[in-house]
Amino acid sequence: MGFYDAYLQRITDAPTWLKTIRSKALDRLITWIDRSCGGEKNRTVLEIGIGDGSFRRKAQQHGWSYTGLDRNPVIANPSDGGKVLCAEVPPFPPEISQARFDLIYASFVLEHMENGKTACEFMRGAASCLADDGSLIILVPDALSLKMEFWSVDYTHSFPATERNVKQIADDCGLRCREVIRYRCAFSENRLVFHVLRFMSWFYNYRFFKSVFGHEWLFYGIYQHLNQDLLAFAFQKKEER
């Protein structure tokens, strides 16, 4: 897990202004989740792939009953407490599959599934853990926006997620899409911000800046934020007829 350990360390060591931007973007995301998933209320929450723990901390601040699930044993042992299990899904461990959650949140996890079939197994397993009126929030990069760079961003990318194929999988898993937001860089529903970033991407060449200044992670990161469309889906169970 050295690649991701190094990535998380860069997030931890990020300057204060960047952490502030990330925190405000997460606040906007949670506001959108509340609006799309029945309004503000106490929730039992399962997060799959907890990363640096920022969503966990926000969930706890909102008074939500939080459970986390991550395959990295270091991440799955947070220093600030909280219920976190170490497992790789699918399949879901019994402690999870036998529970029911008001909200399941998986941020940049689906694209790491081995293929479309495994992605379907993942979403079907998540759907089975939802309460009857629960919601599944999925965040993925749109593979069509980066084209071949989708495979270069992260060597563990295996499933090229798009708005179309994620909705297809959800439909097969008995889920309906309530809303999908397309954005770039940090979560925002502001379409002007999206189009400004898209315009800026036409003039940015990370290979040029890397060749002149070095610092591959910095200039590639800027490229990724400017060029990569991100998709936030809100799913709910289909009503039985």
Protein backbone atom coordinates (compact mmCIF):
# COMPACT_ATOMS: atom_id res chain seq x y z
CA MET A 1 0.00 0.00 0.00
CA GLY A 2 3.04 2.28 -0.27
CA PHE A 3 1.61 4.24 -3.22
CA TYR A 4 -1.50 5.21 -1.27
CA ASP A 5 0.37 5.73 1.97
CA ALA A 6 2.52 8.31 0.16
CA TYR A 7 -0.59 9.92 -1.37
CA LEU A 8 -2.25 10.24 2.03
CA GLN A 9 0.94 11.70 3.49
CA ARG A 10 0.88 14.43 0.81
CA ILE A 11 -2.68 15.26 1.81
CA THR A 12 -1.69 15.38 5.47
CA ASP A 13 1.26 17.67 4.67
CA ALA A 14 -0.76 19.93 2.35
CA PRO A 15 -0.72 23.69 3.10
CA THR A 16 -3.51 25.11 5.24
CA TRP A 17 -5.16 26.97 2.35
CA LEU A 18 -5.51 23.74 0.36
CA LYS A 19 -6.97 21.90 3.35
CA THR A 20 -9.48 24.76 3.74
CA ILE A 21 -10.56 24.40 0.10
CA ARG A 22 -11.01 20.64 0.55
CA SER A 23 -12.97 21.14 3.77
CA LYS A 24 -15.36 23.67 2.21
CA ALA A 25 -15.87 21.38 -0.82
CA LEU A 26 -16.77 18.54 1.56
CA ASP A 27 -19.25 20.83 3.35
CA ARG A 28 -20.89 21.53 -0.02
CA LEU A 29 -20.98 17.81 -0.76
CA ILE A 30 -22.69 17.01 2.56
CA THR A 31 -25.21 19.81 1.96
CA TRP A 32 -25.99 18.21 -1.41
CA ILE A 33 -26.29 14.77 0.23
CA ASP A 34 -28.76 16.16 2.77
CA ARG A 35 -30.84 17.78 0.03
CA SER A 36 -30.78 14.73 -2.25
CA CYS A 37 -31.40 12.17 0.49
CA GLY A 38 -34.36 13.42 2.46
CA GLY A 39 -33.06 16.48 4.26
CA GLU A 40 -31.01 16.95 7.40
CA LYS A 41 -31.48 14.12 9.90
CA ASN A 42 -29.59 11.65 12.05
CA ARG A 43 -28.19 8.87 9.92
CA THR A 44 -26.43 5.54 10.25
CA VAL A 45 -23.56 5.86 7.78
CA LEU A 46 -21.22 3.38 6.14
CA GLU A 47 -18.19 4.79 4.33
CA ILE A 48 -16.34 2.42 2.00
CA GLY A 49 -12.75 3.53 1.39
CA ILE A 50 -12.14 6.11 4.12
CA GLY A 51 -8.99 7.73 2.72
CA ASP A 52 -7.63 10.48 4.96
CA GLY A 53 -10.70 10.35 7.22
CA SER A 54 -12.08 13.77 6.26
CA PHE A 55 -15.59 12.44 5.53
CA ARG A 56 -15.52 10.46 8.79
CA ARG A 57 -14.77 13.60 10.78
CA LYS A 58 -17.53 15.57 9.02
CA ALA A 59 -20.02 12.74 9.62
CA GLN A 60 -19.16 12.67 13.30
CA GLN A 61 -19.53 16.47 13.50
CA HIS A 62 -23.05 16.06 12.10
CA GLY A 63 -23.87 13.52 14.80
CA TRP A 64 -24.21 10.63 12.33
CA SER A 65 -23.61 7.09 13.56
CA TYR A 66 -20.50 6.21 11.55
CA THR A 67 -18.96 2.91 10.40
CA GLY A 68 -15.96 2.81 8.07
CA LEU A 69 -14.58 0.06 5.86
CA ASP A 70 -11.12 0.07 4.25
CA ARG A 71 -8.70 -2.54 2.94
CA ASN A 72 -5.63 -0.68 4.22
CA PRO A 73 -4.89 -1.83 7.81
CA VAL A 74 -3.18 1.48 8.64
CA ILE A 75 -6.18 3.54 7.51
CA ALA A 76 -8.57 1.10 9.20
CA ASN A 77 -6.99 1.90 12.58
CA PRO A 78 -7.67 5.64 12.97
CA SER A 79 -5.97 7.43 15.83
CA ASP A 80 -9.08 9.49 16.61
CA GLY A 81 -11.30 6.46 17.19
CA GLY A 82 -14.49 5.53 15.39
CA LYS A 83 -15.76 2.16 14.23
CA VAL A 84 -13.65 1.10 11.25
CA LEU A 85 -13.31 -2.41 9.82
CA CYS A 86 -10.49 -3.74 7.64
CA ALA A 87 -11.73 -5.72 4.63
CA GLU A 88 -11.69 -5.70 0.84
CA VAL A 89 -15.06 -5.74 -0.89
CA PRO A 90 -16.84 -7.41 -2.52
CA PRO A 91 -17.91 -9.54 -0.73
CA PHE A 92 -19.03 -7.52 2.27
CA PRO A 93 -18.06 -8.90 5.70
CA PRO A 94 -20.89 -10.22 7.93
CA GLU A 95 -20.63 -7.24 10.30
CA ILE A 96 -21.64 -5.05 7.34
CA SER A 97 -23.89 -7.30 5.26
CA GLN A 98 -26.13 -8.04 8.24
CA ALA A 99 -26.58 -4.35 9.10
CA ARG A 100 -28.74 -1.70 7.43
CA PHE A 101 -27.59 1.87 6.79
CA ASP A 102 -29.38 5.10 6.00
CA LEU A 103 -26.42 6.27 3.93
CA ILE A 104 -23.60 4.41 2.19
CA TYR A 105 -20.81 6.60 0.82
CA ALA A 106 -18.10 5.36 -1.55
CA SER A 107 -15.77 8.04 -2.89
CA PHE A 108 -13.43 6.99 -5.73
CA VAL A 109 -13.76 3.28 -5.04
CA LEU A 110 -15.81 1.89 -7.93
CA GLU A 111 -13.12 2.58 -10.56
CA HIS A 112 -10.78 0.26 -8.64
CA MET A 113 -13.04 -2.76 -9.13
CA GLU A 114 -11.47 -5.47 -11.30
CA ASN A 115 -14.05 -5.12 -14.08
CA GLY A 116 -17.69 -4.29 -14.74
CA LYS A 117 -18.89 -7.56 -13.25
CA THR A 118 -17.06 -6.90 -9.98
CA ALA A 119 -18.35 -3.31 -9.98
CA CYS A 120 -21.86 -4.74 -10.25
CA GLU A 121 -21.20 -7.13 -7.35
CA PHE A 122 -19.95 -4.17 -5.30
CA MET A 123 -23.04 -2.05 -5.95
CA ARG A 124 -25.40 -4.99 -5.42
CA GLY A 125 -23.73 -5.71 -2.08
CA ALA A 126 -24.00 -2.05 -1.08
CA ALA A 127 -27.66 -1.91 -2.14
CA SER A 128 -28.44 -4.93 0.05
CA CYS A 129 -27.06 -3.05 3.08
CA LEU A 130 -29.34 -0.03 2.58
CA ALA A 131 -32.33 0.67 4.76
CA ASP A 132 -35.58 0.82 2.80
CA ASP A 133 -35.36 4.60 2.42
CA GLY A 134 -31.54 4.67 2.43
CA SER A 135 -29.26 6.29 -0.13
CA LEU A 136 -26.08 5.20 -1.87
CA ILE A 137 -23.65 7.99 -2.80
CA ILE A 138 -21.03 7.05 -5.39
CA LEU A 139 -18.20 9.36 -6.53
CA VAL A 140 -16.13 8.35 -9.56
CA PRO A 141 -13.89 9.95 -12.18
CA ASP A 142 -15.47 9.98 -15.63
CA ALA A 143 -13.07 7.87 -17.70
CA LEU A 144 -14.27 9.54 -20.91
CA SER A 145 -12.95 12.94 -19.78
CA LEU A 146 -9.34 11.72 -19.37
CA LYS A 147 -9.36 9.08 -22.12
CA MET A 148 -6.07 7.11 -21.94
CA GLU A 149 -4.86 9.25 -19.03
CA PHE A 150 -7.48 7.44 -16.91
CA TRP A 151 -5.08 4.49 -16.79
CA SER A 152 -2.04 6.71 -16.10
CA VAL A 153 -3.53 8.60 -13.14
CA ASP A 154 -3.50 5.50 -10.94
CA TYR A 155 -2.18 2.04 -11.76
CA THR A 156 -4.99 0.46 -9.71
CA HIS A 157 -7.69 1.88 -11.99
CA SER A 158 -9.38 -1.13 -13.58
CA PHE A 159 -13.00 -0.22 -14.27
CA PRO A 160 -13.47 2.81 -16.60
CA ALA A 161 -16.54 4.33 -14.97
CA THR A 162 -18.82 6.66 -16.93
CA GLU A 163 -22.20 8.21 -16.21
CA ARG A 164 -23.83 5.73 -18.60
CA ASN A 165 -22.31 2.46 -17.35
CA VAL A 166 -22.67 3.31 -13.65
CA LYS A 167 -26.37 3.99 -14.19
CA GLN A 168 -26.65 0.68 -16.07
CA ILE A 169 -25.09 -1.19 -13.15
CA ALA A 170 -27.35 0.62 -10.67
CA ASP A 171 -30.42 -0.36 -12.67
CA ASP A 172 -29.39 -4.03 -12.57
CA CYS A 173 -28.91 -3.73 -8.80
CA GLY A 174 -32.41 -2.43 -8.15
CA LEU A 175 -31.33 1.19 -7.70
CA ARG A 176 -32.64 4.36 -9.28
CA CYS A 177 -30.60 7.51 -9.78
CA ARG A 178 -32.10 10.51 -8.00
CA GLU A 179 -29.43 12.94 -9.14
CA VAL A 180 -25.96 13.13 -10.66
CA ILE A 181 -23.59 16.11 -10.42
CA ARG A 182 -20.70 16.60 -12.84
CA TYR A 183 -17.85 18.76 -11.56
CA ARG A 184 -14.10 19.31 -11.70
CA CYS A 185 -11.43 19.80 -9.02
CA ALA A 186 -13.49 20.26 -5.80
CA PHE A 187 -17.17 19.45 -5.42
CA SER A 188 -19.39 22.29 -6.61
CA GLU A 189 -22.77 22.59 -8.29
CA ASN A 190 -21.70 25.91 -9.84
CA ARG A 191 -21.74 25.40 -13.61
CA LEU A 192 -19.69 28.56 -14.22
CA VAL A 193 -16.81 27.12 -12.17
CA PHE A 194 -17.02 23.87 -14.16
CA HIS A 195 -16.83 25.65 -17.51
CA VAL A 196 -14.03 28.01 -16.41
CA LEU A 197 -11.90 25.01 -15.36
CA ARG A 198 -12.74 23.29 -18.62
CA PHE A 199 -11.63 26.37 -20.57
CA MET A 200 -8.37 26.60 -18.60
CA SER A 201 -7.61 22.95 -19.36
CA TRP A 202 -7.29 23.75 -23.07
CA PHE A 203 -4.14 25.80 -22.41
CA TYR A 204 -2.40 23.67 -19.80
CA ASN A 205 0.31 21.15 -20.71
CA TYR A 206 1.70 19.34 -17.68
CA ARG A 207 4.45 17.65 -19.72
CA PHE A 208 5.90 21.06 -20.63
CA PHE A 209 5.93 22.32 -17.02
CA LYS A 210 7.35 19.02 -15.78
CA SER A 211 10.19 19.13 -18.33
CA VAL A 212 11.09 22.69 -17.32
CA PHE A 213 10.56 22.65 -13.54
CA GLY A 214 10.37 18.98 -12.54
CA HIS A 215 7.90 18.35 -9.66
CA GLU A 216 5.83 15.77 -11.52
CA TRP A 217 3.25 15.31 -8.73
CA LEU A 218 2.48 19.04 -8.62
CA PHE A 219 2.01 19.61 -12.33
CA TYR A 220 0.26 16.32 -12.96
CA GLY A 221 -2.07 17.06 -10.07
CA ILE A 222 -2.99 20.42 -11.63
CA TYR A 223 -3.58 18.67 -14.95
CA GLN A 224 -5.84 16.11 -13.29
CA HIS A 225 -7.94 18.76 -11.51
CA LEU A 226 -8.37 20.83 -14.68
CA ASN A 227 -9.12 17.98 -17.10
CA GLN A 228 -10.91 15.27 -15.15
CA ASP A 229 -14.69 15.30 -14.87
CA LEU A 230 -15.92 13.87 -11.58
CA LEU A 231 -19.37 12.38 -11.09
CA ALA A 232 -21.40 12.32 -7.86
CA PHE A 233 -24.39 9.94 -7.96
CA ALA A 234 -27.26 9.74 -5.47
CA PHE A 235 -29.06 6.37 -5.70
CA GLN A 236 -32.03 4.94 -3.85
CA LYS A 237 -33.77 1.58 -3.96
CA LYS A 238 -36.46 1.25 -6.60
CA GLU A 239 -39.98 1.12 -5.28
CA GLU A 240 -41.46 -2.37 -5.37
CA ARG A 241 -44.51 -2.72 -7.57
